């Protein structure tokens, strides 16, 4: 292996997390863009759960969770000080991200995928997530980042899910009185960093030349 191998899907919010951290760390990876409806057997052999992102660092080292990939990359190189050095602050951030993954994302799926959850009221789950959105708006009232004066690890780990939530019904979201959250979100959506990680790559084909990148803009 010349470089770590990243199995990814461009529109997956978990994969966006990994791509943003790899971009910030400037670590070059081999990009293997996959189609989730037709997962390559190589991915399933590595990670039977079949989700992305998956990072194969070496033959002995596999990382299967987006937050772990972010931390791996930033522990190697963190030029923008995304990772907190204080253990207490890092623990607080990770607790929030667990809540985001286990509660906000569950409600988001029931709000977004109405065909999958036919017996559920999507508006009920949309409104349940207003608690988190209001909390974030309050945090951003006095600082640029969720947990610091600058954008950091928690911002880039949270952003893909707030963006996905807004995309379900942009008109409704944009009408909400969440001014600080909306500024934060729109700035990230329009950033060069995000545009760069959303670059389209061809689907991975083992018969073609590998694609190497760090998603730099």
Protein backbone atom coordinates (compact mmCIF):
# COMPACT_ATOMS: atom_id res chain seq x y z
CA UNK A 1 0.00 0.00 0.00
CA UNK A 2 1.44 3.35 -1.09
CA UNK A 3 -1.17 5.29 0.89
CA UNK A 4 -4.09 4.57 3.21
CA UNK A 5 -7.21 3.52 1.31
CA UNK A 6 -10.45 5.41 1.91
CA UNK A 7 -13.73 3.79 0.88
CA UNK A 8 -16.19 6.64 0.58
CA UNK A 9 -19.47 7.82 -0.89
CA UNK A 10 -19.61 11.50 -1.76
CA UNK A 11 -23.11 12.26 -0.44
CA UNK A 12 -22.85 10.34 2.84
CA UNK A 13 -22.57 12.73 5.83
CA UNK A 14 -20.33 10.29 7.69
CA UNK A 15 -17.99 10.14 4.70
CA UNK A 16 -18.02 13.95 4.52
CA UNK A 17 -16.64 14.01 8.04
CA UNK A 18 -13.71 11.83 7.07
CA UNK A 19 -13.01 13.77 3.89
CA UNK A 20 -13.00 17.10 5.73
CA UNK A 21 -10.52 15.86 8.34
CA UNK A 22 -8.25 14.28 5.73
CA UNK A 23 -8.30 17.55 3.83
CA UNK A 24 -7.36 19.51 6.96
CA UNK A 25 -4.56 17.07 7.83
CA UNK A 26 -3.22 17.09 4.24
CA UNK A 27 -2.78 13.32 4.35
CA UNK A 28 -2.90 11.74 0.90
CA UNK A 29 -5.17 8.72 0.58
CA UNK A 30 -6.26 6.43 -2.20
CA UNK A 31 -9.88 7.33 -2.88
CA UNK A 32 -12.23 4.47 -3.60
CA UNK A 33 -15.59 6.01 -4.36
CA UNK A 34 -18.30 3.35 -4.10
CA UNK A 35 -21.97 2.98 -4.86
CA UNK A 36 -23.81 1.82 -1.77
CA UNK A 37 -26.37 -0.10 -3.80
CA UNK A 38 -23.54 -2.09 -5.36
CA UNK A 39 -20.79 -2.36 -2.76
CA UNK A 40 -17.52 -3.83 -3.98
CA UNK A 41 -16.58 -7.19 -2.54
CA UNK A 42 -13.25 -5.74 -1.41
CA UNK A 43 -15.10 -3.36 0.94
CA UNK A 44 -17.32 -6.12 2.32
CA UNK A 45 -14.33 -8.37 2.95
CA UNK A 46 -12.69 -5.60 4.96
CA UNK A 47 -15.81 -4.39 6.73
CA UNK A 48 -18.84 -6.73 6.56
CA UNK A 49 -21.16 -4.01 7.90
CA UNK A 50 -20.82 -2.42 4.47
CA UNK A 51 -21.03 1.23 5.46
CA UNK A 52 -18.72 4.11 4.67
CA UNK A 53 -16.33 5.60 5.41
CA UNK A 54 -13.81 2.84 5.93
CA UNK A 55 -10.11 3.61 6.08
CA UNK A 56 -7.54 0.87 5.55
CA UNK A 57 -4.40 2.34 7.06
CA UNK A 58 -2.39 -0.85 6.58
CA UNK A 59 -2.96 -4.58 6.31
CA UNK A 60 -3.19 -4.68 10.11
CA UNK A 61 -4.99 -1.41 10.80
CA UNK A 62 -8.59 -0.73 9.76
CA UNK A 63 -10.76 2.21 10.93
CA UNK A 64 -14.51 1.83 10.41
CA UNK A 65 -16.07 4.85 12.14
CA UNK A 66 -16.07 8.42 10.84
CA UNK A 67 -15.13 10.04 14.15
CA UNK A 68 -12.22 7.62 14.57
CA UNK A 69 -10.98 8.46 11.07
CA UNK A 70 -11.16 12.16 11.89
CA UNK A 71 -9.17 11.68 15.08
CA UNK A 72 -6.62 9.44 13.32
CA UNK A 73 -5.96 12.09 10.65
CA UNK A 74 -5.83 15.02 13.06
CA UNK A 75 -3.56 13.23 15.51
CA UNK A 76 -1.05 12.93 12.66
CA UNK A 77 -1.36 16.54 11.50
CA UNK A 78 -3.66 19.21 12.90
CA UNK A 79 -2.50 22.53 11.40
CA UNK A 80 -5.74 24.36 12.23
CA UNK A 81 -6.00 23.15 15.84
CA UNK A 82 -9.24 21.25 15.34
CA UNK A 83 -8.61 18.80 18.17
CA UNK A 84 -8.97 20.08 21.73
CA UNK A 85 -5.97 19.38 23.94
CA UNK A 86 -7.96 19.52 27.16
CA UNK A 87 -9.35 16.08 28.05
CA UNK A 88 -12.48 17.51 29.69
CA UNK A 89 -13.39 19.59 26.62
CA UNK A 90 -12.70 16.66 24.29
CA UNK A 91 -14.95 14.44 26.41
CA UNK A 92 -17.75 17.04 26.27
CA UNK A 93 -17.42 17.24 22.50
CA UNK A 94 -17.53 13.48 22.08
CA UNK A 95 -20.61 13.24 24.30
CA UNK A 96 -22.36 15.77 22.08
CA UNK A 97 -21.34 13.91 18.91
CA UNK A 98 -22.65 10.63 20.34
CA UNK A 99 -25.97 12.36 21.00
CA UNK A 100 -25.92 13.71 17.45
CA UNK A 101 -25.33 10.25 15.98
CA UNK A 102 -27.73 8.34 18.21
CA UNK A 103 -30.61 10.81 18.54
CA UNK A 104 -30.43 13.59 15.96
CA UNK A 105 -29.55 11.24 13.08
CA UNK A 106 -32.30 8.78 14.04
CA UNK A 107 -34.88 11.58 14.04
CA UNK A 108 -33.44 12.94 10.80
CA UNK A 109 -33.85 9.60 9.04
CA UNK A 110 -37.48 9.34 10.14
CA UNK A 111 -38.06 12.90 8.94
CA UNK A 112 -36.27 12.44 5.61
CA UNK A 113 -37.06 8.89 4.52
CA UNK A 114 -40.84 8.97 4.67
CA UNK A 115 -41.22 5.91 2.42
CA UNK A 116 -39.09 3.84 4.75
CA UNK A 117 -41.00 4.90 7.88
CA UNK A 118 -44.53 5.02 6.49
CA UNK A 119 -46.27 4.78 9.86
CA UNK A 120 -44.28 7.58 11.41
CA UNK A 121 -45.19 11.26 11.38
CA UNK A 122 -42.15 13.00 9.84
CA UNK A 123 -43.04 16.39 11.31
CA UNK A 124 -42.90 14.91 14.81
CA UNK A 125 -39.30 13.83 14.27
CA UNK A 126 -38.39 17.06 12.53
CA UNK A 127 -39.57 19.04 15.53
CA UNK A 128 -37.78 16.75 18.00
CA UNK A 129 -34.52 17.87 16.41
CA UNK A 130 -35.33 21.51 17.10
CA UNK A 131 -33.94 20.95 20.60
CA UNK A 132 -30.47 20.30 19.20
CA UNK A 133 -30.74 23.10 16.65
CA UNK A 134 -31.71 25.58 19.36
CA UNK A 135 -28.82 24.40 21.52
CA UNK A 136 -26.39 24.91 18.65
CA UNK A 137 -27.81 28.35 17.87
CA UNK A 138 -27.26 29.36 21.49
CA UNK A 139 -23.65 28.12 21.45
CA UNK A 140 -22.92 30.02 18.23
CA UNK A 141 -24.37 33.26 19.53
CA UNK A 142 -21.09 34.23 21.17
CA UNK A 143 -18.45 32.41 19.12
CA UNK A 144 -17.65 31.38 15.57
CA UNK A 145 -17.43 27.71 16.49
CA UNK A 146 -19.65 25.41 18.51
CA UNK A 147 -17.10 24.91 21.23
CA UNK A 148 -14.39 27.49 20.56
CA UNK A 149 -13.61 30.84 18.96
CA UNK A 150 -12.67 29.09 15.72
CA UNK A 151 -14.14 26.24 13.70
CA UNK A 152 -12.88 22.93 15.00
CA UNK A 153 -13.37 19.18 15.05
CA UNK A 154 -16.90 19.37 16.49
CA UNK A 155 -18.05 21.88 13.86
CA UNK A 156 -16.89 19.78 10.93
CA UNK A 157 -18.27 16.59 12.49
CA UNK A 158 -21.67 18.22 13.06
CA UNK A 159 -22.05 20.24 9.88
CA UNK A 160 -22.88 17.39 7.40
CA UNK A 161 -25.91 16.38 9.47
CA UNK A 162 -27.28 19.91 9.89
CA UNK A 163 -26.86 20.38 6.14
CA UNK A 164 -28.71 17.13 5.47
CA UNK A 165 -31.48 18.18 7.85
CA UNK A 166 -31.89 21.53 6.06
CA UNK A 167 -31.97 19.87 2.66
CA UNK A 168 -35.15 17.96 3.50
CA UNK A 169 -37.12 21.23 3.45
CA UNK A 170 -34.90 24.28 2.84
CA UNK A 171 -37.79 26.75 2.79
CA UNK A 172 -39.00 25.65 6.22
CA UNK A 173 -35.48 25.61 7.67
CA UNK A 174 -34.61 29.04 6.29
CA UNK A 175 -37.78 30.46 7.87
CA UNK A 176 -36.73 29.36 11.36
CA UNK A 177 -35.45 31.91 13.88
CA UNK A 178 -32.01 30.37 14.26
CA UNK A 179 -29.85 33.25 13.01
CA UNK A 180 -26.48 32.19 14.39
CA UNK A 181 -26.87 28.57 13.35
CA UNK A 182 -27.86 29.61 9.83
CA UNK A 183 -24.83 31.89 9.44
CA UNK A 184 -22.57 29.06 10.61
CA UNK A 185 -24.24 26.57 8.27
CA UNK A 186 -24.30 28.79 5.17
CA UNK A 187 -20.67 29.80 5.67
CA UNK A 188 -19.63 26.14 5.77
CA UNK A 189 -21.84 25.20 2.83
CA UNK A 190 -20.28 27.96 0.73
CA UNK A 191 -16.70 27.36 1.86
CA UNK A 192 -13.85 26.28 -0.39
CA UNK A 193 -13.20 23.40 2.01
CA UNK A 194 -16.62 21.92 1.47
CA UNK A 195 -16.63 22.51 -2.28
CA UNK A 196 -13.35 20.66 -2.49
CA UNK A 197 -14.41 17.56 -0.55
CA UNK A 198 -17.56 17.38 -2.66
CA UNK A 199 -15.57 16.98 -5.86
CA UNK A 200 -16.94 14.10 -7.92
CA UNK A 201 -14.66 11.12 -8.45
CA UNK A 202 -15.28 8.19 -10.74
CA UNK A 203 -16.52 5.04 -9.07
CA UNK A 204 -13.64 2.86 -8.01
CA UNK A 205 -12.63 0.26 -10.56
CA UNK A 206 -9.80 -2.11 -9.55
CA UNK A 207 -8.82 -2.35 -13.22
CA UNK A 208 -8.18 1.38 -13.49
CA UNK A 209 -5.39 3.60 -12.20
CA UNK A 210 -5.82 4.50 -8.48
CA UNK A 211 -6.90 8.02 -7.53
CA UNK A 212 -4.78 9.73 -4.88
CA UNK A 213 -5.83 12.94 -3.17
CA UNK A 214 -6.13 14.84 0.10
CA UNK A 215 -9.18 16.77 -1.14
CA UNK A 216 -7.23 20.02 -1.13
CA UNK A 217 -8.69 23.05 -2.84
